[in-house]
Structures are given as structure tokens and as C-alpha cells.
Amino acid sequence: MRNCSVLCLTETWLNDNMPDPAFQIDGRLLFRADRNQQSGKARGGGLCVYVNKDWCTNCTLVNSHCSEAIEHMTVKCRPHYLPREFTAVFVTAVYIPPGAKANEALKELHNNISSLQHKHPEAFYVVAGDFNHVNLTDTLPKFYQHVTISTRGNNTLDRVYTNKRDAYRAVPHPHLGFSDHISIMLVPAYRPLLRCHTPTQRTITVWPSDAVPALQDCFQRTDWQIFREAAACEGEVDLEELYIGCPRIHQQVHRGRHQHQNSNWISEPETLAECGGPVSAES
């Protein structure tokens, strides 16, 4: 877990009297949302998200919320490498207290995630945390839950939801400190679209680099009076019949392998070149 891209912690019990440097981890960006008075409780709760700098340095805290029903915090990430079908990664850490009203918690989560999806429809969404008795798919049926093992006793209280089926495979790890919940490592199982489609061969015809200067020179040496006289006498001019001064310019034929999602493809005349795809990143 030391090399994981994103680390989500719930029930951190942090407060305003605890400065960030005391909890900073080398090589990681820290985002935290401490429990406040809106929760109706004096202590407990709290969320932390650590982002590995080797994976992403372009991170922004989108929003955070604290109430009696739910605590959540969303971080937007633009990783160094990302499957090109995604524009960004949104990580939402969630903690729902055991006695919270499920309807209120789901309504708040639904409003937050739906708003983000409306603004960023092609992003990848990860919603992780301690959900207790609440199931996110009750309000967001197009999300998929990836944790299939018990995380506290015989219950699966800690869950990870994404908007892509089979995105992760859950692996259990020992608990941290005095926590009574085990830790969960999500191993990427998603296969980028670029690797799911067989490249297709395409042939295109292009003008050579010297085509424009050759045409310009040809037009400059043209006696345009011929066309004026022909048009005056006959009313119509067949340019293909009359214009014979332009030299034939041979077009070049390029053949190359084209990948899915309009990826760039590199070729040389009469040769094949395979385009390399982006490197998918762990989340």
C-alpha cells in the first residue's frame, strides 16, 4: 500500500488544533476535511485523502460537506498518465455514521456526484469510504461496487464505487493502528479502450511537400487570356480541356495502423508504423 496512488482515510478524528505538517506524508499531497459543528457531535469523524505525487501533482479540492447524515470530500485529479477515454479522476471520500438517515445521506451524495457528472461527463469517478448501512447504488444505479469481502467482522461496511464495471479488484490488508476495520487495496483491473480494440489499417493520399510551390509557379506562368477569349466566344470554358500547362504532381500514398479513440498514427510513404498508446494509471 506504500506505493498506492490514492489513500483514503475515514474517522481520522482530526480537528483545527492539529496542523497539516503533523500528518504530512513524504511524496504525497494531503487533503483533509475535519468534522465540524454541523455534524452535531463534538469529536470523531473526519476524512483524509493522500495523493501520490508520482501519480499526480495536478490536484484540486472540489468540495467538502459535513452534516449529521454524512461527511464527504471530493478531490479532482489530472494524473500524469490517464486512459484517453477519461478527462479526469474524481475521488470522493465518504463517511456515513451508523445512526445516520440513509435517505438524507444518499440525497446529498447523489446531488454532489450528479452535479460533477453533468459538468464532467467523461471523467472517472471513485467513491470510497465507510458507508455502514447505506448502499450508493440505491440512488446511483450506474455505479459499481468493487469490495466483495468483509471489512469489519462479517460485514462489508467499507466500499468502493466507480462508474466503470470491473474497474478494480479488492485485496484485503491488515488494519491500521487501533482501527477495527481492515484496510482494502484496490488493484486496477480496468482495460483501456485503446487496448480493447484491434488497430485497423488505413490508406490515405496526401500531397507532397513541394506541391504548393509547383502549383504557384504553374499559375504564375499561365496565359489567362486564353480562357478569357474562349469564354467570350463560346460562353463556357472546359478548364480540363484548355488548361494543359500545369505539370502532373504525383500524390503520395501513406499506409498506417489506426488505433481507437482517434489516436495519432505515424507512418512513412509505403511503410507501416504502429502507434503507441497512453499508459494507464492506477487509482
Protein backbone atom coordinates (compact mmCIF):
# COMPACT_ATOMS: atom_id res chain seq x y z
CA MET A 1 0.00 0.00 0.00
CA ARG A 2 3.01 2.29 0.33
CA ASN A 3 3.03 2.87 -3.43
CA CYS A 4 -0.72 3.25 -3.92
CA SER A 5 -1.83 6.25 -5.98
CA VAL A 6 -4.59 7.48 -3.64
CA LEU A 7 -5.05 6.74 0.06
CA CYS A 8 -8.48 7.44 1.60
CA LEU A 9 -8.89 7.53 5.40
CA THR A 10 -12.13 7.88 7.35
CA GLU A 11 -12.76 8.67 11.02
CA THR A 12 -9.46 10.50 11.33
CA TRP A 13 -10.60 12.39 14.46
CA LEU A 14 -8.59 15.42 13.38
CA ASN A 15 -9.57 18.98 14.33
CA ASP A 16 -8.44 22.58 13.84
CA ASN A 17 -5.85 22.29 16.61
CA MET A 18 -3.93 19.68 14.62
CA PRO A 19 -1.81 21.28 11.84
CA ASP A 20 -1.24 19.69 8.44
CA PRO A 21 2.55 19.28 8.82
CA ALA A 22 1.97 16.83 11.65
CA PHE A 23 0.19 14.46 9.28
CA GLN A 24 2.03 15.11 6.04
CA ILE A 25 3.50 12.05 4.31
CA ASP A 26 6.58 12.46 2.14
CA GLY A 27 5.80 12.26 -1.56
CA ARG A 28 2.06 12.78 -1.08
CA LEU A 29 -0.40 15.66 -1.27
CA LEU A 30 -2.70 15.94 1.74
CA PHE A 31 -6.39 16.87 1.60
CA ARG A 32 -8.46 16.78 4.77
CA ALA A 33 -12.00 17.59 5.88
CA ASP A 34 -12.36 17.61 9.67
CA ARG A 35 -15.68 17.11 11.40
CA ASN A 36 -17.32 20.41 12.38
CA GLN A 37 -20.32 21.56 14.40
CA GLN A 38 -22.71 20.77 11.54
CA SER A 39 -22.33 17.09 12.40
CA GLY A 40 -24.00 17.56 15.79
CA LYS A 41 -21.07 15.84 17.51
CA ALA A 42 -18.10 17.29 19.32
CA ARG A 43 -15.46 14.82 18.13
CA GLY A 44 -14.79 11.87 15.86
CA GLY A 45 -15.35 11.64 12.13
CA GLY A 46 -13.09 13.39 9.65
CA LEU A 47 -11.68 12.49 6.25
CA CYS A 48 -8.21 12.46 4.68
CA VAL A 49 -7.09 11.85 1.11
CA TYR A 50 -3.42 11.40 0.25
CA VAL A 51 -2.42 11.61 -3.43
CA ASN A 52 0.88 10.12 -4.58
CA LYS A 53 2.93 12.80 -6.37
CA ASP A 54 4.43 10.17 -8.65
CA TRP A 55 0.91 9.56 -9.94
CA CYS A 56 -0.50 13.09 -9.93
CA THR A 57 0.51 16.60 -8.91
CA ASN A 58 -2.38 18.45 -10.58
CA CYS A 59 -4.96 18.04 -7.80
CA THR A 60 -7.75 20.33 -6.60
CA LEU A 61 -10.13 20.16 -3.66
CA VAL A 62 -13.54 20.38 -5.32
CA ASN A 63 -15.81 20.42 -2.27
CA SER A 64 -16.43 19.02 1.20
CA HIS A 65 -19.55 18.57 3.27
CA CYS A 66 -20.33 17.74 6.89
CA SER A 67 -23.76 17.08 8.40
CA GLU A 68 -25.45 14.69 10.79
CA ALA A 69 -26.15 12.30 7.91
CA ILE A 70 -22.86 12.26 6.02
CA GLU A 71 -19.33 13.57 5.62
CA HIS A 72 -17.75 13.63 2.19
CA MET A 73 -14.88 15.31 0.36
CA THR A 74 -14.08 15.31 -3.36
CA VAL A 75 -10.67 15.79 -4.97
CA LYS A 76 -10.16 16.28 -8.70
CA CYS A 77 -7.01 14.72 -10.17
CA ARG A 78 -5.38 15.07 -13.57
CA PRO A 79 -2.75 12.29 -13.46
CA HIS A 80 0.45 12.23 -15.46
CA TYR A 81 -0.93 9.27 -17.41
CA LEU A 82 -4.62 8.51 -17.93
CA PRO A 83 -6.59 6.38 -20.41
CA ARG A 84 -7.67 8.84 -23.07
CA GLU A 85 -11.36 7.97 -22.67
CA PHE A 86 -11.22 9.83 -19.33
CA THR A 87 -10.69 13.56 -18.90
CA ALA A 88 -10.00 13.49 -15.15
CA VAL A 89 -10.36 11.40 -11.99
CA PHE A 90 -12.69 12.48 -9.17
CA VAL A 91 -12.04 10.82 -5.82
CA THR A 92 -14.75 11.19 -3.17
CA ALA A 93 -14.06 10.05 0.38
CA VAL A 94 -17.19 9.25 2.40
CA TYR A 95 -18.11 8.57 5.99
CA ILE A 96 -21.71 7.82 6.98
CA PRO A 97 -22.31 7.35 10.74
CA PRO A 98 -24.09 4.15 11.83
CA GLY A 99 -27.19 6.01 13.05
CA ALA A 100 -27.50 8.35 10.05
CA LYS A 101 -30.65 8.52 7.96
CA ALA A 102 -29.90 6.67 4.75
CA ASN A 103 -32.23 8.79 2.60
CA GLU A 104 -30.57 12.04 3.64
CA ALA A 105 -27.08 10.65 3.09
CA LEU A 106 -27.97 9.26 -0.34
CA LYS A 107 -29.62 12.52 -1.37
CA GLU A 108 -26.52 14.53 -0.51
CA LEU A 109 -24.21 12.09 -2.32
CA HIS A 110 -26.49 11.96 -5.34
CA ASN A 111 -26.62 15.75 -5.64
CA ASN A 112 -22.84 16.06 -5.39
CA ILE A 113 -21.91 13.30 -7.83
CA SER A 114 -24.67 14.08 -10.33
CA SER A 115 -23.57 17.71 -10.43
CA LEU A 116 -19.99 16.66 -11.14
CA GLN A 117 -21.06 14.19 -13.82
CA HIS A 118 -23.11 16.88 -15.53
CA LYS A 119 -20.05 19.15 -15.72
CA HIS A 120 -17.55 16.36 -16.44
CA PRO A 121 -19.41 13.53 -18.23
CA GLU A 122 -16.23 11.80 -19.44
CA ALA A 123 -14.42 11.69 -16.11
CA PHE A 124 -13.67 8.62 -13.98
CA TYR A 125 -15.35 8.64 -10.55
CA VAL A 126 -14.22 6.83 -7.41
CA VAL A 127 -16.40 6.97 -4.29
CA ALA A 128 -14.75 5.24 -1.32
CA GLY A 129 -15.23 5.10 2.41
CA ASP A 130 -17.24 3.76 5.34
CA PHE A 131 -20.86 3.51 4.20
CA ASN A 132 -22.17 1.37 7.09
CA HIS A 133 -25.82 0.58 6.25
CA VAL A 134 -26.05 2.74 3.10
CA ASN A 135 -25.79 1.43 -0.47
CA LEU A 136 -24.84 4.03 -3.10
CA THR A 137 -26.34 2.04 -5.96
CA ASP A 138 -29.80 2.66 -4.50
CA THR A 139 -29.57 6.21 -5.84
CA LEU A 140 -26.84 5.85 -8.48
CA PRO A 141 -27.58 2.50 -10.19
CA LYS A 142 -24.93 3.04 -12.88
CA PHE A 143 -22.14 2.85 -10.29
CA TYR A 144 -20.47 -0.46 -9.44
CA GLN A 145 -19.27 -1.71 -6.05
CA HIS A 146 -15.90 -3.48 -6.07
CA VAL A 147 -15.40 -4.66 -2.46
CA THR A 148 -16.80 -8.17 -2.05
CA ILE A 149 -15.04 -9.14 1.20
CA SER A 150 -15.93 -8.44 4.83
CA THR A 151 -14.22 -5.35 6.22
CA ARG A 152 -15.43 -5.42 9.85
CA GLY A 153 -16.40 -8.74 11.37
CA ASN A 154 -18.72 -10.42 8.88
CA ASN A 155 -19.97 -7.16 7.39
CA THR A 156 -18.86 -5.20 4.35
CA LEU A 157 -19.05 -1.66 5.69
CA ASP A 158 -16.21 -0.16 3.67
CA ARG A 159 -16.97 0.05 -0.03
CA VAL A 160 -15.55 1.49 -3.22
CA TYR A 161 -17.84 2.51 -6.07
CA THR A 162 -16.86 3.61 -9.57
CA ASN A 163 -18.69 4.41 -12.79
CA LYS A 164 -16.91 1.58 -14.64
CA ARG A 165 -17.68 -2.10 -14.32
CA ASP A 166 -14.75 -4.34 -13.31
CA ALA A 167 -12.52 -1.33 -12.70
CA TYR A 168 -10.83 -2.81 -9.62
CA ARG A 169 -10.13 -5.99 -7.74
CA ALA A 170 -10.25 -5.71 -3.92
CA VAL A 171 -7.39 -7.17 -1.87
CA PRO A 172 -7.61 -7.27 1.96
CA HIS A 173 -4.78 -5.84 4.10
CA PRO A 174 -4.28 -5.62 7.87
CA HIS A 175 -5.94 -2.80 9.77
CA LEU A 176 -4.09 0.43 10.53
CA GLY A 177 -3.33 1.25 14.15
CA PHE A 178 -6.25 0.56 16.50
CA SER A 179 -8.89 0.52 13.78
CA ASP A 180 -11.40 -2.32 13.90
CA HIS A 181 -11.79 -2.20 10.11
CA ILE A 182 -9.35 -3.93 7.79
CA SER A 183 -7.64 -1.96 5.02
CA ILE A 184 -8.61 -2.53 1.41
CA MET A 185 -6.23 -2.28 -1.53
CA LEU A 186 -7.91 -1.75 -4.90
CA VAL A 187 -5.83 -3.25 -7.71
CA PRO A 188 -6.70 -1.85 -11.16
CA ALA A 189 -8.45 -4.33 -13.42
CA TYR A 190 -9.78 -1.84 -15.96
CA ARG A 191 -8.61 -2.33 -19.51
CA PRO A 192 -8.38 0.93 -21.51
CA LEU A 193 -10.41 1.12 -24.70
CA LEU A 194 -7.18 1.61 -26.62
CA ARG A 195 -6.18 -1.96 -25.73
CA CYS A 196 -9.63 -3.46 -26.28
CA HIS A 197 -9.83 -2.70 -29.99
CA THR A 198 -7.71 -4.17 -32.75
CA PRO A 199 -5.93 -1.48 -34.77
CA THR A 200 -7.27 -1.05 -38.30
CA GLN A 201 -5.15 -0.36 -41.39
CA ARG A 202 -5.98 2.79 -43.31
CA THR A 203 -4.63 4.21 -46.57
CA ILE A 204 -4.69 7.93 -47.27
CA THR A 205 -3.47 10.02 -50.21
CA VAL A 206 -1.63 13.26 -49.47
CA TRP A 207 0.02 15.99 -51.47
CA PRO A 208 3.84 16.03 -51.37
CA SER A 209 5.63 18.88 -49.64
CA ASP A 210 6.56 20.57 -52.95
CA ALA A 211 3.01 20.55 -54.35
CA VAL A 212 2.08 24.11 -53.34
CA PRO A 213 5.20 25.81 -54.79
CA ALA A 214 4.79 23.82 -58.02
CA LEU A 215 1.17 24.90 -58.44
CA GLN A 216 2.00 28.51 -57.64
CA ASP A 217 4.75 28.53 -60.26
CA CYS A 218 2.42 26.97 -62.79
CA PHE A 219 -0.30 29.56 -62.24
CA GLN A 220 2.18 32.43 -62.48
CA ARG A 221 3.31 31.25 -65.92
CA THR A 222 -0.23 30.73 -67.22
CA ASP A 223 -1.56 32.87 -70.08
CA TRP A 224 -5.02 33.61 -68.69
CA GLN A 225 -6.02 35.48 -71.87
CA ILE A 226 -6.73 32.12 -73.49
CA PHE A 227 -9.54 31.49 -71.02
CA ARG A 228 -10.97 34.98 -71.43
CA GLU A 229 -11.15 34.60 -75.23
CA ALA A 230 -12.66 31.12 -75.02
CA ALA A 231 -15.31 32.30 -72.56
CA ALA A 232 -16.15 35.30 -74.78
CA CYS A 233 -16.60 33.13 -77.86
CA GLU A 234 -18.31 30.05 -76.51
CA GLY A 235 -19.79 31.20 -73.19
CA GLU A 236 -18.39 28.23 -71.27
CA VAL A 237 -14.85 27.05 -70.73
CA ASP A 238 -13.76 23.48 -70.01
CA LEU A 239 -10.70 24.09 -67.84
CA GLU A 240 -9.68 20.45 -68.03
CA GLU A 241 -9.52 20.65 -71.84
CA LEU A 242 -7.87 24.06 -72.12
CA TYR A 243 -5.52 24.16 -69.18
CA ILE A 244 -2.63 21.88 -70.13
CA GLY A 245 0.28 23.90 -68.78
CA CYS A 246 0.20 22.56 -65.22
CA PRO A 247 2.62 19.67 -64.66
CA ARG A 248 1.34 16.45 -63.13
CA ILE A 249 2.04 16.31 -59.41
CA HIS A 250 2.25 12.80 -58.02
CA GLN A 251 0.44 12.26 -54.75
CA GLN A 252 1.96 10.14 -52.01
CA VAL A 253 0.18 7.13 -50.53
CA HIS A 254 0.53 6.57 -46.78
CA ARG A 255 -0.48 3.38 -45.03
CA GLY A 256 -0.65 3.12 -41.25
CA ARG A 257 -2.30 1.36 -38.33
CA HIS A 258 -5.05 3.40 -36.74
CA GLN A 259 -5.95 2.95 -33.09
CA HIS A 260 -9.32 3.51 -31.41
CA GLN A 261 -10.31 6.92 -29.97
CA ASN A 262 -8.68 8.93 -32.80
CA SER A 263 -5.18 8.38 -31.50
CA ASN A 264 -2.31 9.76 -33.53
CA TRP A 265 -0.74 7.40 -36.01
CA ILE A 266 2.68 7.68 -37.55
CA SER A 267 3.62 6.40 -40.97
CA GLU A 268 6.07 6.79 -43.81
CA PRO A 269 5.23 6.54 -47.51
CA GLU A 270 4.58 2.91 -48.37
CA THR A 271 5.51 1.76 -44.84
CA LEU A 272 3.61 0.73 -41.74
CA ALA A 273 4.10 2.22 -38.26
CA GLU A 274 2.24 1.25 -35.15
CA CYS A 275 1.13 3.97 -32.78
CA GLY A 276 1.88 3.53 -29.10
CA GLY A 277 -0.95 4.22 -26.65
CA PRO A 278 -1.02 6.03 -23.33
CA VAL A 279 -0.04 4.32 -20.13
CA SER A 280 -2.96 3.65 -17.85
CA ALA A 281 -2.51 4.79 -14.27
CA GLU A 282 -3.61 3.17 -11.05
CA SER A 283 -6.18 4.97 -8.92
